[in-house]
């Protein structure tokens, strides 16, 4: 049980760090691309900038929650079977449910943004 919890915990922790790194690279690339995009007027650029800022903030929250899940898995593995183990894995389950809801909100926000910003011929 110790080895399994440690393995899963460290894997989830590393995935959270990797996702944050990849998202930071993608957000800097999006900011660079937005600077050189000439076809957007000022209002479209403001909408895009706000969307990217909100998206980045919520993804940071998701990555932190994922890292907390990994840390709780590691702590549960070290603690061994008992009350803390049950509490930690229950917290992990609830946090993963919260992560799923936040990811669903991000998907809905992205879809809404894309349908609002794409030209009308693509929205049919």
Protein backbone atom coordinates (compact mmCIF):
# COMPACT_ATOMS: atom_id res chain seq x y z
CA UNK A 1 0.00 0.00 0.00
CA UNK A 2 2.89 2.33 0.79
CA UNK A 3 4.60 1.78 -2.55
CA UNK A 4 1.37 2.15 -4.53
CA UNK A 5 0.37 5.38 -2.77
CA UNK A 6 3.85 6.84 -3.19
CA UNK A 7 4.02 5.86 -6.85
CA UNK A 8 0.59 7.30 -7.67
CA UNK A 9 1.19 10.38 -5.52
CA UNK A 10 4.52 11.27 -7.09
CA UNK A 11 3.11 10.59 -10.56
CA UNK A 12 0.15 12.92 -9.97
CA UNK A 13 2.47 15.55 -8.50
CA UNK A 14 4.79 15.36 -11.51
CA UNK A 15 1.82 15.54 -13.90
CA UNK A 16 0.60 18.70 -12.12
CA UNK A 17 4.03 20.32 -12.46
CA UNK A 18 4.29 19.27 -16.12
CA UNK A 19 0.81 20.62 -16.91
CA UNK A 20 1.65 23.95 -15.29
CA UNK A 21 4.89 24.17 -17.26
CA UNK A 22 3.14 23.34 -20.55
CA UNK A 23 0.36 25.83 -19.83
CA UNK A 24 2.86 28.58 -19.06
CA UNK A 25 4.60 27.89 -22.37
CA UNK A 26 1.27 27.94 -24.22
CA UNK A 27 0.13 31.17 -22.58
CA UNK A 28 3.38 32.94 -23.44
CA UNK A 29 3.06 31.71 -27.03
CA UNK A 30 -0.54 32.93 -27.17
CA UNK A 31 0.48 36.34 -25.86
CA UNK A 32 3.25 36.51 -28.45
CA UNK A 33 0.84 35.51 -31.23
CA UNK A 34 -1.75 38.03 -30.09
CA UNK A 35 0.77 40.88 -30.27
CA UNK A 36 1.45 40.18 -33.93
CA UNK A 37 -2.14 39.57 -34.95
CA UNK A 38 -3.16 42.63 -36.97
CA UNK A 39 -6.72 41.72 -37.93
CA UNK A 40 -8.17 42.11 -34.43
CA UNK A 41 -9.45 45.50 -33.40
CA UNK A 42 -9.01 46.87 -29.88
CA UNK A 43 -12.27 45.45 -28.49
CA UNK A 44 -11.52 41.96 -29.82
CA UNK A 45 -8.02 42.11 -28.36
CA UNK A 46 -9.46 43.14 -24.98
CA UNK A 47 -11.92 40.22 -25.07
CA UNK A 48 -9.17 37.79 -26.04
CA UNK A 49 -6.83 39.14 -23.38
CA UNK A 50 -9.49 38.84 -20.67
CA UNK A 51 -10.35 35.31 -21.78
CA UNK A 52 -6.69 34.24 -21.69
CA UNK A 53 -6.22 35.80 -18.26
CA UNK A 54 -9.28 34.07 -16.77
CA UNK A 55 -8.38 30.78 -18.44
CA UNK A 56 -4.83 30.93 -17.12
CA UNK A 57 -6.01 31.71 -13.58
CA UNK A 58 -8.49 28.80 -13.46
CA UNK A 59 -6.01 26.38 -14.95
CA UNK A 60 -3.52 27.42 -12.27
CA UNK A 61 -6.16 26.57 -9.65
CA UNK A 62 -6.71 23.16 -11.27
CA UNK A 63 -2.97 22.45 -11.32
CA UNK A 64 -2.64 23.42 -7.64
CA UNK A 65 -5.55 21.18 -6.68
CA UNK A 66 -3.96 18.34 -8.61
CA UNK A 67 -0.68 18.91 -6.77
CA UNK A 68 -2.53 18.86 -3.44
CA UNK A 69 -4.09 15.54 -4.47
CA UNK A 70 -0.62 14.15 -5.15
CA UNK A 71 0.67 15.40 -1.80
CA UNK A 72 -2.30 13.87 0.02
CA UNK A 73 -1.68 10.54 -1.73
CA UNK A 74 1.96 10.61 -0.63
CA UNK A 75 0.99 11.54 2.94
CA UNK A 76 -1.62 8.76 3.03
CA UNK A 77 0.98 6.28 1.85
CA UNK A 78 3.43 7.30 4.54
CA UNK A 79 0.77 7.32 7.26
CA UNK A 80 -0.41 3.81 6.43
CA UNK A 81 -3.84 2.36 7.08
CA UNK A 82 -5.91 4.20 9.64
CA UNK A 83 -8.08 7.23 10.08
CA UNK A 84 -5.73 9.63 8.30
CA UNK A 85 -5.45 7.28 5.33
CA UNK A 86 -9.24 7.17 4.97
CA UNK A 87 -9.55 10.95 5.41
CA UNK A 88 -6.77 11.68 2.91
CA UNK A 89 -8.18 9.40 0.21
CA UNK A 90 -11.67 10.81 0.80
CA UNK A 91 -10.24 14.32 0.36
CA UNK A 92 -8.47 13.19 -2.82
CA UNK A 93 -11.76 11.87 -4.19
CA UNK A 94 -13.57 15.13 -3.41
CA UNK A 95 -10.75 17.23 -4.84
CA UNK A 96 -10.76 15.21 -8.05
CA UNK A 97 -14.50 15.78 -8.31
CA UNK A 98 -13.89 19.53 -7.89
CA UNK A 99 -11.17 19.38 -10.57
CA UNK A 100 -13.62 17.69 -12.94
CA UNK A 101 -16.21 20.44 -12.34
CA UNK A 102 -13.62 23.20 -12.86
CA UNK A 103 -12.43 21.51 -16.07
CA UNK A 104 -16.03 21.30 -17.27
CA UNK A 105 -16.43 25.02 -16.57
CA UNK A 106 -13.24 25.70 -18.51
CA UNK A 107 -14.53 23.69 -21.46
CA UNK A 108 -17.84 25.57 -21.45
CA UNK A 109 -16.05 28.92 -21.16
CA UNK A 110 -13.74 28.01 -24.06
CA UNK A 111 -16.63 26.87 -26.26
CA UNK A 112 -18.55 30.06 -25.52
CA UNK A 113 -15.51 32.18 -26.30
CA UNK A 114 -14.77 30.35 -29.55
CA UNK A 115 -18.33 30.60 -30.83
CA UNK A 116 -18.39 34.29 -29.96
CA UNK A 117 -15.08 35.12 -31.65
CA UNK A 118 -15.22 32.95 -34.77
CA UNK A 119 -16.73 34.46 -37.90
CA UNK A 120 -20.42 33.79 -38.50
CA UNK A 121 -19.85 31.34 -41.35
CA UNK A 122 -18.17 28.94 -38.91
CA UNK A 123 -20.89 29.21 -36.25
CA UNK A 124 -23.61 27.43 -38.24
